[in-house]
Structures are given as structure tokens and as C-alpha cells.
Amino acid sequence: MIYYELDLLNPPPLTAQQIAELKALDALSDEDIDFSDIPPLSDEFFEKGIRNPHYLKALKEQLTIRLDADILDWFRRHAKNGKGYQTDINKALRAYIVAQEKKAARQAG
């Protein structure tokens, strides 16, 4: 099986056929949608710890990093209940990388 990496921040444009299919789906009413091939979800599906096996979570790597104390303090103070600051740092780094890639793309072409 071949897997292709998709850049979620820069997906390929939709084809005319894909656009037409999406418009046709958008025009359907809820009553016109056939759900017969979708199995009902059991209570077990909604229990904690059960998740969709097809869901691909971004891979994370644990590491030790040294940050300036004031930077770390700022993220901790702005996190809800002091939690989630590491995720916020990750989001800030990702936003920086995306901005740098866009800047490089503009300069290149």
C-alpha cells in the first residue's frame, strides 16, 4: 500500500468533478441522505479510551528543551488553569514555521 503525505496547510485544489459532487451533496436535505450503510454506534464507542482506529494523530516526540524563564512563565500564565501551555508553545512554533514557509514561497516565486 502506498501512502502519500498531504500538506494540510496547502492542500491541492479541488477538481471540477469534486466541486460538482460537493455542490450536489450540499443540495441534499437531511431526509434525502441514505444512512443505511452506517452501523449504529454502541455505548462502548463513547466510553473513555475508545477511539476511532482510523484517526491519525500527529506524532509527537518527547524532548528536553531550555526556554527563557520569562517565555515559559508567559505561556503558563496564559494557559487555562495552568494546563495546556506545552500545546500552546507547540501551536506558536507551528504558526512561526508556517509564516516562514509562506515568506520563503513568496520570495521564491
N, C-alpha and C. Protein backbone atom coordinates (compact mmCIF):
# COMPACT_ATOMS: atom_id res chain seq x y z
N MET A 1 0.84 -1.17 0.00
CA MET A 1 0.00 0.00 0.00
C MET A 1 0.89 1.24 0.00
N ILE A 2 0.55 2.22 -0.80
CA ILE A 2 1.31 3.45 -0.90
C ILE A 2 0.59 4.55 -0.13
N TYR A 3 1.32 5.25 0.72
CA TYR A 3 0.76 6.37 1.46
C TYR A 3 1.38 7.65 0.93
N TYR A 4 0.55 8.64 0.74
CA TYR A 4 1.02 9.93 0.29
C TYR A 4 0.87 10.93 1.42
N GLU A 5 1.88 11.75 1.60
CA GLU A 5 1.82 12.76 2.65
C GLU A 5 1.09 13.97 2.09
N LEU A 6 0.08 14.42 2.80
CA LEU A 6 -0.72 15.56 2.38
C LEU A 6 -0.39 16.75 3.27
N ASP A 7 -0.03 17.85 2.65
CA ASP A 7 0.24 19.08 3.39
C ASP A 7 -1.12 19.71 3.71
N LEU A 8 -1.58 19.58 4.95
CA LEU A 8 -2.90 20.07 5.33
C LEU A 8 -2.99 21.59 5.30
N LEU A 9 -1.86 22.26 5.33
CA LEU A 9 -1.87 23.72 5.27
C LEU A 9 -1.87 24.22 3.83
N ASN A 10 -1.60 23.33 2.90
CA ASN A 10 -1.56 23.70 1.49
C ASN A 10 -2.08 22.54 0.64
N PRO A 11 -3.39 22.23 0.77
CA PRO A 11 -3.93 21.08 0.03
C PRO A 11 -4.02 21.39 -1.46
N PRO A 12 -4.06 20.35 -2.29
CA PRO A 12 -4.20 20.58 -3.72
C PRO A 12 -5.60 21.15 -4.03
N PRO A 13 -5.73 21.90 -5.12
CA PRO A 13 -7.05 22.46 -5.45
C PRO A 13 -8.03 21.35 -5.84
N LEU A 14 -9.31 21.59 -5.58
CA LEU A 14 -10.34 20.63 -5.95
C LEU A 14 -10.51 20.61 -7.47
N THR A 15 -10.82 19.43 -7.99
CA THR A 15 -11.09 19.32 -9.42
C THR A 15 -12.52 19.78 -9.68
N ALA A 16 -12.85 20.01 -10.94
CA ALA A 16 -14.21 20.42 -11.31
C ALA A 16 -15.21 19.34 -10.90
N GLN A 17 -14.83 18.06 -11.04
CA GLN A 17 -15.71 16.96 -10.66
C GLN A 17 -15.95 16.96 -9.15
N GLN A 18 -14.91 17.19 -8.36
CA GLN A 18 -15.06 17.23 -6.90
C GLN A 18 -15.97 18.38 -6.47
N ILE A 19 -15.81 19.52 -7.11
CA ILE A 19 -16.66 20.68 -6.80
C ILE A 19 -18.11 20.37 -7.12
N ALA A 20 -18.35 19.73 -8.26
CA ALA A 20 -19.72 19.37 -8.66
C ALA A 20 -20.33 18.38 -7.66
N GLU A 21 -19.54 17.40 -7.21
CA GLU A 21 -20.02 16.42 -6.23
C GLU A 21 -20.36 17.09 -4.90
N LEU A 22 -19.53 18.01 -4.47
CA LEU A 22 -19.79 18.72 -3.22
C LEU A 22 -21.05 19.58 -3.31
N LYS A 23 -21.25 20.22 -4.45
CA LYS A 23 -22.46 21.03 -4.63
C LYS A 23 -23.71 20.15 -4.63
N ALA A 24 -23.62 18.96 -5.24
CA ALA A 24 -24.75 18.04 -5.25
C ALA A 24 -25.06 17.55 -3.84
N LEU A 25 -24.03 17.25 -3.08
CA LEU A 25 -24.23 16.81 -1.69
C LEU A 25 -24.82 17.93 -0.84
N ASP A 26 -24.35 19.15 -1.05
CA ASP A 26 -24.83 20.29 -0.29
C ASP A 26 -26.32 20.54 -0.56
N ALA A 27 -26.77 20.20 -1.76
CA ALA A 27 -28.17 20.44 -2.12
C ALA A 27 -29.12 19.41 -1.51
N LEU A 28 -28.59 18.28 -1.01
CA LEU A 28 -29.44 17.25 -0.42
C LEU A 28 -29.99 17.71 0.93
N SER A 29 -31.24 17.35 1.18
CA SER A 29 -31.81 17.59 2.51
C SER A 29 -31.41 16.41 3.40
N ASP A 30 -31.54 16.58 4.70
CA ASP A 30 -31.19 15.50 5.63
C ASP A 30 -32.00 14.24 5.34
N GLU A 31 -33.24 14.42 4.94
CA GLU A 31 -34.12 13.28 4.66
C GLU A 31 -33.67 12.50 3.43
N ASP A 32 -32.95 13.16 2.53
CA ASP A 32 -32.50 12.50 1.29
C ASP A 32 -31.20 11.72 1.46
N ILE A 33 -30.56 11.85 2.60
CA ILE A 33 -29.29 11.18 2.81
C ILE A 33 -29.53 9.76 3.31
N ASP A 34 -28.88 8.80 2.65
CA ASP A 34 -29.03 7.39 3.00
C ASP A 34 -27.98 7.00 4.03
N PHE A 35 -28.42 6.73 5.25
CA PHE A 35 -27.52 6.34 6.33
C PHE A 35 -27.56 4.82 6.57
N SER A 36 -28.20 4.07 5.70
CA SER A 36 -28.44 2.66 5.95
C SER A 36 -27.16 1.83 6.03
N ASP A 37 -26.07 2.29 5.41
CA ASP A 37 -24.84 1.51 5.44
C ASP A 37 -23.93 1.89 6.61
N ILE A 38 -24.40 2.77 7.48
CA ILE A 38 -23.62 3.18 8.64
C ILE A 38 -24.14 2.43 9.86
N PRO A 39 -23.29 1.61 10.48
CA PRO A 39 -23.78 0.84 11.64
C PRO A 39 -24.05 1.78 12.82
N PRO A 40 -25.01 1.42 13.67
CA PRO A 40 -25.28 2.25 14.85
C PRO A 40 -24.09 2.18 15.80
N LEU A 41 -23.88 3.26 16.53
CA LEU A 41 -22.78 3.31 17.49
C LEU A 41 -23.26 2.81 18.84
N SER A 42 -22.47 1.94 19.43
CA SER A 42 -22.82 1.39 20.74
C SER A 42 -22.35 2.33 21.84
N ASP A 43 -22.81 2.07 23.07
CA ASP A 43 -22.36 2.86 24.21
C ASP A 43 -20.85 2.71 24.40
N GLU A 44 -20.33 1.54 24.05
CA GLU A 44 -18.89 1.28 24.19
C GLU A 44 -18.07 2.27 23.36
N PHE A 45 -18.61 2.65 22.19
CA PHE A 45 -17.90 3.58 21.31
C PHE A 45 -17.63 4.90 22.02
N PHE A 46 -18.56 5.34 22.86
CA PHE A 46 -18.44 6.63 23.51
C PHE A 46 -17.71 6.58 24.85
N GLU A 47 -17.34 5.40 25.30
CA GLU A 47 -16.62 5.28 26.56
C GLU A 47 -15.22 5.84 26.42
N LYS A 48 -14.70 6.34 27.53
CA LYS A 48 -13.36 6.90 27.53
C LYS A 48 -12.35 5.82 27.16
N GLY A 49 -11.42 6.18 26.33
CA GLY A 49 -10.38 5.24 25.94
C GLY A 49 -10.67 4.56 24.61
N ILE A 50 -11.91 4.61 24.14
CA ILE A 50 -12.25 4.05 22.84
C ILE A 50 -12.13 5.16 21.82
N ARG A 51 -11.39 4.91 20.76
CA ARG A 51 -11.30 5.94 19.73
C ARG A 51 -11.28 5.31 18.36
N ASN A 52 -11.54 6.12 17.39
CA ASN A 52 -11.59 5.69 16.01
C ASN A 52 -10.21 5.16 15.60
N PRO A 53 -10.12 3.92 15.15
CA PRO A 53 -8.81 3.38 14.76
C PRO A 53 -8.26 4.02 13.49
N HIS A 54 -9.10 4.75 12.75
CA HIS A 54 -8.68 5.38 11.51
C HIS A 54 -8.21 6.81 11.73
N TYR A 55 -8.37 7.32 12.96
CA TYR A 55 -7.94 8.67 13.28
C TYR A 55 -6.43 8.69 13.40
N LEU A 56 -5.80 9.56 12.64
CA LEU A 56 -4.35 9.67 12.68
C LEU A 56 -3.97 10.91 13.47
N LYS A 57 -3.39 10.69 14.60
CA LYS A 57 -2.96 11.79 15.46
C LYS A 57 -1.55 12.20 15.06
N ALA A 58 -1.29 13.48 15.10
CA ALA A 58 0.05 13.96 14.78
C ALA A 58 1.06 13.32 15.73
N LEU A 59 2.16 12.87 15.18
CA LEU A 59 3.19 12.25 16.00
C LEU A 59 3.89 13.33 16.81
N LYS A 60 4.09 13.05 18.06
CA LYS A 60 4.80 13.98 18.94
C LYS A 60 6.03 13.26 19.46
N GLU A 61 7.04 14.06 19.72
CA GLU A 61 8.28 13.49 20.24
C GLU A 61 8.61 14.20 21.55
N GLN A 62 8.92 13.40 22.54
CA GLN A 62 9.28 13.97 23.83
C GLN A 62 10.75 14.37 23.81
N LEU A 63 11.03 15.56 24.33
CA LEU A 63 12.40 16.02 24.39
C LEU A 63 12.55 17.01 25.54
N THR A 64 13.79 17.34 25.81
CA THR A 64 14.08 18.36 26.81
C THR A 64 14.51 19.60 26.05
N ILE A 65 13.93 20.74 26.38
CA ILE A 65 14.26 21.99 25.71
C ILE A 65 14.43 23.07 26.76
N ARG A 66 15.39 23.92 26.56
CA ARG A 66 15.61 25.02 27.50
C ARG A 66 15.00 26.28 26.91
N LEU A 67 14.10 26.90 27.68
CA LEU A 67 13.45 28.13 27.27
C LEU A 67 13.77 29.21 28.29
N ASP A 68 13.76 30.45 27.86
CA ASP A 68 13.93 31.55 28.80
C ASP A 68 12.79 31.50 29.80
N ALA A 69 13.11 31.77 31.06
CA ALA A 69 12.13 31.66 32.13
C ALA A 69 10.92 32.55 31.89
N ASP A 70 11.14 33.76 31.36
CA ASP A 70 10.00 34.67 31.14
C ASP A 70 9.08 34.16 30.04
N ILE A 71 9.64 33.49 29.04
CA ILE A 71 8.83 32.92 27.96
C ILE A 71 7.95 31.81 28.53
N LEU A 72 8.56 30.90 29.27
CA LEU A 72 7.83 29.80 29.87
C LEU A 72 6.77 30.32 30.84
N ASP A 73 7.12 31.32 31.63
CA ASP A 73 6.17 31.91 32.58
C ASP A 73 4.97 32.49 31.86
N TRP A 74 5.21 33.17 30.74
CA TRP A 74 4.11 33.77 29.98
C TRP A 74 3.13 32.69 29.50
N PHE A 75 3.66 31.61 28.92
CA PHE A 75 2.79 30.54 28.43
C PHE A 75 2.02 29.89 29.57
N ARG A 76 2.68 29.68 30.70
CA ARG A 76 1.99 29.08 31.85
C ARG A 76 0.87 30.00 32.37
N ARG A 77 1.14 31.30 32.44
CA ARG A 77 0.13 32.24 32.94
C ARG A 77 -1.06 32.36 32.01
N HIS A 78 -0.84 32.17 30.71
CA HIS A 78 -1.92 32.32 29.74
C HIS A 78 -2.65 31.02 29.43
N ALA A 79 -2.23 29.95 30.04
CA ALA A 79 -2.90 28.66 29.85
C ALA A 79 -4.07 28.55 30.83
N LYS A 80 -5.11 27.87 30.41
CA LYS A 80 -6.28 27.67 31.28
C LYS A 80 -5.89 26.81 32.46
N ASN A 81 -6.08 27.32 33.65
CA ASN A 81 -5.76 26.59 34.89
C ASN A 81 -4.31 26.10 34.91
N GLY A 82 -3.44 26.79 34.18
CA GLY A 82 -2.04 26.40 34.15
C GLY A 82 -1.77 25.14 33.34
N LYS A 83 -2.78 24.65 32.63
CA LYS A 83 -2.61 23.42 31.85
C LYS A 83 -2.69 23.73 30.36
N GLY A 84 -1.99 22.95 29.59
CA GLY A 84 -2.03 23.10 28.13
C GLY A 84 -0.99 24.06 27.59
N TYR A 85 -0.10 24.53 28.44
CA TYR A 85 0.89 25.50 27.97
C TYR A 85 1.86 24.88 26.97
N GLN A 86 2.14 23.59 27.10
CA GLN A 86 3.04 22.95 26.14
C GLN A 86 2.39 22.89 24.76
N THR A 87 1.08 22.63 24.73
CA THR A 87 0.35 22.65 23.46
C THR A 87 0.37 24.04 22.86
N ASP A 88 0.23 25.06 23.71
CA ASP A 88 0.27 26.44 23.23
C ASP A 88 1.64 26.78 22.65
N ILE A 89 2.70 26.30 23.28
CA ILE A 89 4.05 26.52 22.76
C ILE A 89 4.18 25.84 21.40
N ASN A 90 3.66 24.62 21.28
CA ASN A 90 3.71 23.90 20.01
C ASN A 90 2.96 24.67 18.92
N LYS A 91 1.77 25.20 19.27
CA LYS A 91 0.99 25.98 18.30
C LYS A 91 1.73 27.23 17.86
N ALA A 92 2.39 27.91 18.80
CA ALA A 92 3.15 29.11 18.47
C ALA A 92 4.31 28.78 17.54
N LEU A 93 4.99 27.69 17.82
CA LEU A 93 6.09 27.27 16.95
C LEU A 93 5.58 26.90 15.56
N ARG A 94 4.44 26.20 15.50
CA ARG A 94 3.88 25.83 14.20
C ARG A 94 3.48 27.07 13.40
N ALA A 95 2.86 28.04 14.06
CA ALA A 95 2.47 29.28 13.38
C ALA A 95 3.70 30.00 12.82
N TYR A 96 4.78 30.00 13.59
CA TYR A 96 6.01 30.63 13.14
C TYR A 96 6.56 29.91 11.89
N ILE A 97 6.56 28.58 11.93
CA ILE A 97 7.07 27.81 10.80
C ILE A 97 6.22 28.05 9.55
N VAL A 98 4.91 28.05 9.71
CA VAL A 98 4.02 28.29 8.56
C VAL A 98 4.29 29.67 7.98
N ALA A 99 4.44 30.67 8.83
CA ALA A 99 4.71 32.03 8.37
C ALA A 99 6.04 32.09 7.62
N GLN A 100 7.05 31.41 8.14
CA GLN A 100 8.36 31.40 7.48
C GLN A 100 8.29 30.69 6.13
N GLU A 101 7.52 29.61 6.05
CA GLU A 101 7.39 28.89 4.77
C GLU A 101 6.65 29.74 3.75
N LYS A 102 5.62 30.46 4.18
CA LYS A 102 4.89 31.35 3.26
C LYS A 102 5.80 32.48 2.78
N LYS A 103 6.60 33.03 3.69
CA LYS A 103 7.53 34.09 3.36
C LYS A 103 8.54 33.60 2.32
N ALA A 104 9.09 32.40 2.54
CA ALA A 104 10.06 31.83 1.62
C ALA A 104 9.42 31.55 0.26
N ALA A 105 8.17 31.10 0.26
CA ALA A 105 7.48 30.81 -1.01
C ALA A 105 7.25 32.10 -1.80
N ARG A 106 6.89 33.19 -1.08
CA ARG A 106 6.68 34.49 -1.75
C ARG A 106 7.99 34.98 -2.36
N GLN A 107 9.08 34.82 -1.63
CA GLN A 107 10.37 35.30 -2.12
C GLN A 107 10.86 34.46 -3.30
N ALA A 108 10.52 33.18 -3.31
CA ALA A 108 10.98 32.28 -4.37
C ALA A 108 10.19 32.45 -5.67
N GLY A 109 8.94 32.87 -5.52
CA GLY A 109 8.15 32.87 -6.75
C GLY A 109 7.20 33.95 -6.79
